[in-house]
C-alpha atoms as a PDB file:
ATOM      1  CA  MET A   1      35.372 170.408 158.989  1.00  0.00           C
ATOM      2  CA  ARG A   2      32.758 168.366 159.822  1.00  0.00           C
ATOM      3  CA  ARG A   3      33.020 169.625 163.823  1.00  0.00           C
ATOM      4  CA  ILE A   4      32.649 173.007 162.411  1.00  0.00           C
ATOM      5  CA  ALA A   5      29.345 172.245 159.691  1.00  0.00           C
ATOM      6  CA  LEU A   6      27.478 170.612 162.770  1.00  0.00           C
ATOM      7  CA  ALA A   7      28.425 173.943 165.021  1.00  0.00           C
ATOM      8  CA  LEU A   8      26.609 175.631 162.204  1.00  0.00           C
ATOM      9  CA  VAL A   9      23.616 173.533 162.075  1.00  0.00           C
ATOM     10  CA  THR A  10      23.505 174.172 165.948  1.00  0.00           C
ATOM     11  CA  VAL A  11      23.526 177.645 165.571  1.00  0.00           C
ATOM     12  CA  ALA A  12      20.861 177.418 162.278  1.00  0.00           C
ATOM     13  CA  ALA A  13      18.685 175.395 164.608  1.00  0.00           C
ATOM     14  CA  PHE A  14      18.430 178.944 167.182  1.00  0.00           C
ATOM     15  CA  SER A  15      17.709 180.315 164.345  1.00  0.00           C
ATOM     16  CA  SER A  16      14.773 178.684 163.585  1.00  0.00           C
ATOM     17  CA  ASN A  17      13.364 178.613 166.581  1.00  0.00           C
ATOM     18  CA  VAL A  18      13.530 182.851 166.285  1.00  0.00           C
ATOM     19  CA  LEU A  19      11.215 182.291 163.255  1.00  0.00           C
ATOM     20  CA  ALA A  20       9.482 179.532 164.087  1.00  0.00           C
ATOM     21  CA  GLN A  21       7.458 179.683 167.738  1.00  0.00           C
ATOM     22  CA  ALA A  22       7.479 176.844 169.667  1.00  0.00           C
ATOM     23  CA  PRO A  23       3.785 175.613 170.730  1.00  0.00           C
ATOM     24  CA  THR A  24       2.508 176.123 174.011  1.00  0.00           C
ATOM     25  CA  PRO A  25       2.568 173.034 175.858  1.00  0.00           C
ATOM     26  CA  GLY A  26      -0.716 171.295 176.905  1.00  0.00           C
ATOM     27  CA  ALA A  27      -2.887 173.014 174.371  1.00  0.00           C
ATOM     28  CA  ALA A  28      -6.573 171.683 174.065  1.00  0.00           C
ATOM     29  CA  PRO A  29      -6.735 168.816 171.127  1.00  0.00           C
ATOM     30  CA  GLY A  30      -8.957 169.692 168.544  1.00  0.00           C
ATOM     31  CA  ALA A  31      -9.492 173.365 170.132  1.00  0.00           C
ATOM     32  CA  LYS A  32     -10.935 175.995 167.640  1.00  0.00           C
ATOM     33  CA  PRO A  33      -8.761 177.015 165.058  1.00  0.00           C
ATOM     34  CA  ASN A  34     -10.064 181.194 165.493  1.00  0.00           C
ATOM     35  CA  ALA A  35     -10.251 180.259 169.541  1.00  0.00           C
ATOM     36  CA  ASN A  36      -7.220 182.985 170.180  1.00  0.00           C
ATOM     37  CA  PRO A  37      -7.358 185.760 167.501  1.00  0.00           C
ATOM     38  CA  CYS A  38      -3.741 186.986 168.570  1.00  0.00           C
ATOM     39  CA  SER A  39      -2.501 183.961 168.210  1.00  0.00           C
ATOM     40  CA  ASP A  40      -4.140 184.072 164.269  1.00  0.00           C
ATOM     41  CA  GLU A  41      -2.692 187.405 163.404  1.00  0.00           C
ATOM     42  CA  VAL A  42       1.121 186.320 164.636  1.00  0.00           C
ATOM     43  CA  SER A  43       0.334 183.102 162.403  1.00  0.00           C
ATOM     44  CA  ALA A  44      -0.967 185.156 159.501  1.00  0.00           C
ATOM     45  CA  ALA A  45       2.496 187.087 159.486  1.00  0.00           C
ATOM     46  CA  LEU A  46       4.641 184.176 160.052  1.00  0.00           C
ATOM     47  CA  GLN A  47       3.191 182.630 157.048  1.00  0.00           C
ATOM     48  CA  LYS A  48       2.972 185.391 155.027  1.00  0.00           C
ATOM     49  CA  LEU A  49       6.741 185.833 155.468  1.00  0.00           C
ATOM     50  CA  ARG A  50       6.967 182.284 154.208  1.00  0.00           C
ATOM     51  CA  LYS A  51       5.392 183.622 151.034  1.00  0.00           C
ATOM     52  CA  SER A  52       7.709 186.018 150.265  1.00  0.00           C
ATOM     53  CA  SER A  53      10.356 185.556 148.028  1.00  0.00           C
ATOM     54  CA  TRP A  54      13.471 186.352 150.344  1.00  0.00           C
ATOM     55  CA  PHE A  55      14.046 187.968 153.642  1.00  0.00           C
ATOM     56  CA  ARG A  56      16.465 188.854 156.063  1.00  0.00           C
ATOM     57  CA  MET A  57      17.164 188.110 160.009  1.00  0.00           C
ATOM     58  CA  ASP A  58      19.353 189.911 162.054  1.00  0.00           C
ATOM     59  CA  THR A  59      19.924 188.848 165.790  1.00  0.00           C
ATOM     60  CA  HIS A  60      21.667 189.821 168.144  1.00  0.00           C
ATOM     61  CA  MET A  61      21.837 187.800 171.258  1.00  0.00           C
ATOM     62  CA  LEU A  62      23.572 186.545 174.460  1.00  0.00           C
ATOM     63  CA  THR A  63      25.280 183.232 174.478  1.00  0.00           C
ATOM     64  CA  GLU A  64      27.516 181.336 177.004  1.00  0.00           C
ATOM     65  CA  SER A  65      30.705 183.048 174.944  1.00  0.00           C
ATOM     66  CA  GLY A  66      29.496 186.590 175.398  1.00  0.00           C
ATOM     67  CA  PRO A  67      27.540 188.694 172.852  1.00  0.00           C
ATOM     68  CA  SER A  68      26.978 187.843 169.297  1.00  0.00           C
ATOM     69  CA  THR A  69      25.472 188.842 165.997  1.00  0.00           C
ATOM     70  CA  MET A  70      23.515 186.623 163.181  1.00  0.00           C
ATOM     71  CA  GLN A  71      22.489 187.864 159.617  1.00  0.00           C
ATOM     72  CA  VAL A  72      20.401 185.006 158.093  1.00  0.00           C
ATOM     73  CA  ASP A  73      19.899 185.614 154.371  1.00  0.00           C
ATOM     74  CA  TYR A  74      16.867 183.342 152.613  1.00  0.00           C
ATOM     75  CA  VAL A  75      16.168 183.008 149.249  1.00  0.00           C
ATOM     76  CA  LEU A  76      13.280 180.139 149.125  1.00  0.00           C
ATOM     77  CA  PRO A  77      12.990 177.342 148.631  1.00  0.00           C
ATOM     78  CA  ASP A  78      16.157 176.200 149.178  1.00  0.00           C
ATOM     79  CA  ARG A  79      18.960 179.087 149.721  1.00  0.00           C
ATOM     80  CA  MET A  80      20.336 180.539 152.615  1.00  0.00           C
ATOM     81  CA  HIS A  81      23.726 182.333 153.775  1.00  0.00           C
ATOM     82  CA  GLN A  82      24.208 182.906 157.322  1.00  0.00           C
ATOM     83  CA  THR A  83      26.798 184.657 158.814  1.00  0.00           C
ATOM     84  CA  VAL A  84      27.715 184.444 162.877  1.00  0.00           C
ATOM     85  CA  THR A  85      30.398 186.764 164.841  1.00  0.00           C
ATOM     86  CA  ALA A  86      31.188 186.759 168.159  1.00  0.00           C
ATOM     87  CA  LYS A  87      31.686 189.968 169.562  1.00  0.00           C
ATOM     88  CA  LEU A  88      34.245 189.483 171.834  1.00  0.00           C
ATOM     89  CA  THR A  89      37.011 187.670 169.533  1.00  0.00           C
ATOM     90  CA  ASN A  90      35.210 188.973 166.292  1.00  0.00           C
ATOM     91  CA  LYS A  91      35.517 185.818 164.838  1.00  0.00           C
ATOM     92  CA  THR A  92      32.916 185.393 162.181  1.00  0.00           C
ATOM     93  CA  THR A  93      31.730 182.046 160.634  1.00  0.00           C
ATOM     94  CA  GLU A  94      29.593 181.411 157.485  1.00  0.00           C
ATOM     95  CA  LEU A  95      27.725 178.966 156.102  1.00  0.00           C
ATOM     96  CA  ILE A  96      26.096 179.287 152.663  1.00  0.00           C
ATOM     97  CA  LEU A  97      23.233 176.513 151.441  1.00  0.00           C
ATOM     98  CA  VAL A  98      22.531 176.239 147.366  1.00  0.00           C
ATOM     99  CA  GLY A  99      19.651 173.514 146.614  1.00  0.00           C
ATOM    100  CA  ASN A 100      21.677 170.335 148.091  1.00  0.00           C
ATOM    101  CA  GLU A 101      25.594 171.552 148.367  1.00  0.00           C
ATOM    102  CA  ALA A 102      26.565 173.759 151.075  1.00  0.00           C
ATOM    103  CA  TRP A 103      29.854 175.266 152.344  1.00  0.00           C
ATOM    104  CA  SER A 104      31.096 176.709 154.969  1.00  0.00           C
ATOM    105  CA  LYS A 105      34.112 179.363 156.394  1.00  0.00           C
ATOM    106  CA  GLN A 106      35.616 180.352 159.456  1.00  0.00           C
ATOM    107  CA  ASP A 107      37.554 184.079 159.231  1.00  0.00           C
ATOM    108  CA  ASP A 108      39.716 184.299 156.260  1.00  0.00           C
ATOM    109  CA  THR A 109      40.272 180.576 156.060  1.00  0.00           C
ATOM    110  CA  GLY A 110      38.862 180.001 152.985  1.00  0.00           C
ATOM    111  CA  TRP A 111      35.371 178.399 151.600  1.00  0.00           C
ATOM    112  CA  LYS A 112      35.473 174.773 151.999  1.00  0.00           C
ATOM    113  CA  PRO A 113      32.517 172.330 151.138  1.00  0.00           C
ATOM    114  CA  VAL A 114      30.006 170.512 153.451  1.00  0.00           C
ATOM    115  CA  PRO A 115      29.755 166.696 153.580  1.00  0.00           C
ATOM    116  CA  PRO A 116      26.929 166.050 151.380  1.00  0.00           C
ATOM    117  CA  LYS A 117      24.948 164.179 154.719  1.00  0.00           C
ATOM    118  CA  VAL A 118      25.437 167.629 156.563  1.00  0.00           C
ATOM    119  CA  ALA A 119      24.511 169.848 153.985  1.00  0.00           C
ATOM    120  CA  THR A 120      21.493 167.467 153.515  1.00  0.00           C
ATOM    121  CA  GLN A 121      20.564 167.920 157.049  1.00  0.00           C
ATOM    122  CA  ILE A 122      20.897 172.020 156.506  1.00  0.00           C
ATOM    123  CA  LYS A 123      18.344 171.745 153.962  1.00  0.00           C
ATOM    124  CA  GLU A 124      16.182 169.181 155.527  1.00  0.00           C
ATOM    125  CA  GLN A 125      16.028 171.779 158.517  1.00  0.00           C
ATOM    126  CA  MET A 126      15.915 174.610 156.286  1.00  0.00           C
ATOM    127  CA  GLN A 127      12.841 173.099 154.596  1.00  0.00           C
ATOM    128  CA  ASP A 128      11.001 172.247 158.241  1.00  0.00           C
ATOM    129  CA  SER A 129      11.492 175.387 160.187  1.00  0.00           C
ATOM    130  CA  VAL A 130      11.383 178.201 157.419  1.00  0.00           C
ATOM    131  CA  VAL A 131       9.491 176.785 154.438  1.00  0.00           C
ATOM    132  CA  THR A 132       7.232 174.779 156.056  1.00  0.00           C
ATOM    133  CA  GLN A 133       4.125 176.103 157.549  1.00  0.00           C
ATOM    134  CA  GLN A 134       3.896 175.769 161.243  1.00  0.00           C
ATOM    135  CA  THR A 135       0.716 174.203 162.377  1.00  0.00           C
ATOM    136  CA  ASP A 136       0.694 176.107 166.154  1.00  0.00           C
ATOM    137  CA  VAL A 137       2.818 179.161 166.958  1.00  0.00           C
ATOM    138  CA  GLY A 138       1.786 178.857 170.327  1.00  0.00           C
ATOM    139  CA  SER A 139      -0.731 181.056 172.378  1.00  0.00           C
ATOM    140  CA  TYR A 140      -0.265 184.625 171.970  1.00  0.00           C
ATOM    141  CA  ALA A 141      -1.702 187.682 173.719  1.00  0.00           C
ATOM    142  CA  CYS A 142      -2.510 190.977 172.190  1.00  0.00           C
ATOM    143  CA  LYS A 143      -0.288 194.146 173.608  1.00  0.00           C
ATOM    144  CA  GLY A 144      -0.953 196.948 171.037  1.00  0.00           C
ATOM    145  CA  ARG A 145       0.353 199.273 168.859  1.00  0.00           C
ATOM    146  CA  THR A 146       3.819 200.648 169.796  1.00  0.00           C
ATOM    147  CA  THR A 147       7.461 201.176 168.088  1.00  0.00           C
ATOM    148  CA  ILE A 148      10.549 199.619 167.246  1.00  0.00           C
ATOM    149  CA  ASP A 149      13.184 200.724 165.377  1.00  0.00           C
ATOM    150  CA  GLY A 150      11.135 203.545 163.990  1.00  0.00           C
ATOM    151  CA  ARG A 151       8.646 201.296 162.849  1.00  0.00           C
ATOM    152  CA  ASP A 152       4.456 201.318 163.634  1.00  0.00           C
ATOM    153  CA  VAL A 153       4.089 197.586 164.582  1.00  0.00           C
ATOM    154  CA  LEU A 154       1.471 195.267 166.233  1.00  0.00           C
ATOM    155  CA  SER A 155       2.713 194.119 169.705  1.00  0.00           C
ATOM    156  CA  TYR A 156       2.459 190.294 170.652  1.00  0.00           C
ATOM    157  CA  ARG A 157       2.988 188.723 174.151  1.00  0.00           C
ATOM    158  CA  LEU A 158       3.790 184.671 173.961  1.00  0.00           C
ATOM    159  CA  ASP A 159       1.760 183.426 176.737  1.00  0.00           C
ATOM    160  CA  SER A 160       3.354 180.662 179.002  1.00  0.00           C
ATOM    161  CA  GLU A 161       0.735 180.101 181.894  1.00  0.00           C
ATOM    162  CA  MET A 162       1.915 178.821 185.066  1.00  0.00           C
ATOM    163  CA  GLU A 163      -0.440 175.740 186.224  1.00  0.00           C
ATOM    164  CA  LYS A 164      -1.962 176.026 189.625  1.00  0.00           C
ATOM    165  CA  GLY A 165       1.052 175.124 192.401  1.00  0.00           C
ATOM    166  CA  SER A 166       3.646 175.628 189.700  1.00  0.00           C
ATOM    167  CA  THR A 167       7.194 176.223 191.223  1.00  0.00           C
ATOM    168  CA  ALA A 168       7.773 177.895 187.901  1.00  0.00           C
ATOM    169  CA  ASP A 169       9.951 181.670 188.767  1.00  0.00           C
ATOM    170  CA  PRO A 170       7.109 184.267 187.421  1.00  0.00           C
ATOM    171  CA  ASN A 171      10.087 186.451 186.363  1.00  0.00           C
ATOM    172  CA  GLN A 172      11.643 184.319 183.740  1.00  0.00           C
ATOM    173  CA  ALA A 173      12.391 185.496 180.117  1.00  0.00           C
ATOM    174  CA  TYR A 174       9.361 185.933 177.678  1.00  0.00           C
ATOM    175  CA  ARG A 175       8.685 186.377 174.182  1.00  0.00           C
ATOM    176  CA  MET A 176       7.196 189.205 172.371  1.00  0.00           C
ATOM    177  CA  PHE A 177       6.460 189.215 168.846  1.00  0.00           C
ATOM    178  CA  TYR A 178       5.807 192.562 166.528  1.00  0.00           C
ATOM    179  CA  VAL A 179       4.329 192.844 163.172  1.00  0.00           C
ATOM    180  CA  ASP A 180       4.294 195.820 160.574  1.00  0.00           C
ATOM    181  CA  ALA A 181       1.469 197.557 160.710  1.00  0.00           C
ATOM    182  CA  LEU A 182       1.360 198.606 157.150  1.00  0.00           C
ATOM    183  CA  THR A 183       2.734 195.291 155.508  1.00  0.00           C
ATOM    184  CA  GLY A 184       1.550 192.641 157.767  1.00  0.00           C
ATOM    185  CA  LEU A 185       4.897 191.210 157.785  1.00  0.00           C
ATOM    186  CA  PRO A 186       7.045 190.112 161.118  1.00  0.00           C
ATOM    187  CA  ALA A 187       9.357 193.301 162.030  1.00  0.00           C
ATOM    188  CA  SER A 188      11.035 192.217 165.055  1.00  0.00           C
ATOM    189  CA  ASN A 189      10.979 189.171 167.616  1.00  0.00           C
ATOM    190  CA  MET A 190      12.636 189.315 171.398  1.00  0.00           C
ATOM    191  CA  LEU A 191      13.307 187.561 174.554  1.00  0.00           C
ATOM    192  CA  LEU A 192      12.904 189.885 177.326  1.00  0.00           C
ATOM    193  CA  ALA A 193      13.983 189.529 180.732  1.00  0.00           C
ATOM    194  CA  PRO A 194      11.538 191.355 183.474  1.00  0.00           C
ATOM    195  CA  GLY A 195      13.224 194.815 184.591  1.00  0.00           C
ATOM    196  CA  HIS A 196      15.880 194.632 181.588  1.00  0.00           C
ATOM    197  CA  GLU A 197      13.738 195.355 178.730  1.00  0.00           C
ATOM    198  CA  ASP A 198      15.919 197.674 177.384  1.00  0.00           C
ATOM    199  CA  LYS A 199      18.605 194.883 177.500  1.00  0.00           C
ATOM    200  CA  PRO A 200      17.164 191.502 175.427  1.00  0.00           C
ATOM    201  CA  ILE A 201      18.712 188.388 175.534  1.00  0.00           C
ATOM    202  CA  PHE A 202      18.048 188.044 171.922  1.00  0.00           C
ATOM    203  CA  LYS A 203      16.537 190.646 169.187  1.00  0.00           C
ATOM    204  CA  THR A 204      15.945 189.424 165.805  1.00  0.00           C
ATOM    205  CA  SER A 205      14.701 192.127 163.143  1.00  0.00           C
ATOM    206  CA  TYR A 206      12.848 191.127 159.632  1.00  0.00           C
ATOM    207  CA  THR A 207      13.876 193.266 156.274  1.00  0.00           C
ATOM    208  CA  PHE A 208      13.592 192.433 152.940  1.00  0.00           C
ATOM    209  CA  PRO A 209      16.210 193.931 150.874  1.00  0.00           C
ATOM    210  CA  LEU A 210      15.905 194.395 147.081  1.00  0.00           C
ATOM    211  CA  ASP A 211      19.184 193.736 146.026  1.00  0.00           C
ATOM    212  CA  MET A 212      19.383 190.098 148.156  1.00  0.00           C
ATOM    213  CA  LYS A 213      21.127 187.165 145.659  1.00  0.00           C
ATOM    214  CA  ILE A 214      22.616 184.119 147.307  1.00  0.00           C
ATOM    215  CA  ASP A 215      25.206 182.136 144.785  1.00  0.00           C
ATOM    216  CA  PRO A 216      27.689 179.310 145.619  1.00  0.00           C
ATOM    217  CA  PRO A 217      31.348 180.471 146.775  1.00  0.00           C
ATOM    218  CA  LYS A 218      33.498 180.976 143.975  1.00  0.00           C
ATOM    219  CA  ASP A 219      36.723 180.520 145.812  1.00  0.00           C
ATOM    220  CA  VAL A 220      35.921 177.096 147.191  1.00  0.00           C
ATOM    221  CA  ALA A 221      38.748 174.896 148.480  1.00  0.00           C
ATOM    222  CA  ALA A 222      38.834 171.340 146.542  1.00  0.00           C
ATOM    223  CA  SER A 223      38.261 168.410 148.812  1.00  0.00           C
ATOM    224  CA  PRO A 224      40.773 166.084 149.784  1.00  0.00           C
ATOM    225  CA  ALA A 225      39.616 163.529 147.443  1.00  0.00           C
ATOM    226  CA  ALA A 226      39.566 166.161 144.611  1.00  0.00           C
ATOM    227  CA  GLU A 227      43.471 166.765 145.544  1.00  0.00           C
ATOM    228  CA  THR A 228      44.362 162.881 145.205  1.00  0.00           C
ATOM    229  CA  PRO A 229      46.096 162.630 141.726  1.00  0.00           C
ATOM    230  CA  ALA A 230      44.539 159.856 139.678  1.00  0.00           C
ATOM    231  CA  ALA A 231      46.131 156.748 139.108  1.00  0.00           C
ATOM    232  CA  ASP A 232      48.384 156.048 136.044  1.00  0.00           C
ATOM    233  CA  PRO A 233      46.436 153.095 134.180  1.00  0.00           C
ATOM    234  CA  SER A 234      49.853 152.388 132.443  1.00  0.00           C
ATOM    235  CA  SER A 235      51.862 151.984 135.451  1.00  0.00           C
ATOM    236  CA  GLY A 236      49.300 149.905 137.031  1.00  0.00           C
ATOM    237  CA  LYS A 237      48.961 151.805 140.001  1.00  0.00           C
END
């Protein structure tokens, strides 16, 4: 059970990286806030996302176990429902966080409570990566207007400039971020390999379902401690 919960935390960490862009190494200390207007626009979109009451992230990704999908619903500030499905095996793992409590489920095995310590870790991770505004989203370059999934968007590429004499692969994967041109909210986020842009390593889409609601699961299995019969005071046991 604990192993399952910790595995879900690892997956949640991947999800948070999709949302909160990692800062570019070597950023000049004391740089002016408006030194990069394109990065400012990405930061503004993410800040607007965090100020929304709820949103959904649908991710298609390639992992060591093959293609997988991950759907994460967020109702801020402290509710989350994550569903991960391995496409080759069609096995599904779910995690629900509500306040200080969390529950997990694998396929049809039923919901089980997550140990309090792990639930706290999940909550802290959500606060750090989703609720708290990032101070540096990295260095982005504006790539113009385009269309993603039928939506009119503004596109941005995360720059990772190589230092002089660097031996890094110039064909390494790169990140693209897309902002809805009408709402100013994030629309999509992709990791692409040069020459294979039609097959993203991962692709996340952001939506805002009006009927989103996250509550504790109703069919939770009793914890081992709860299943143990209470001692009979009259028997002395």
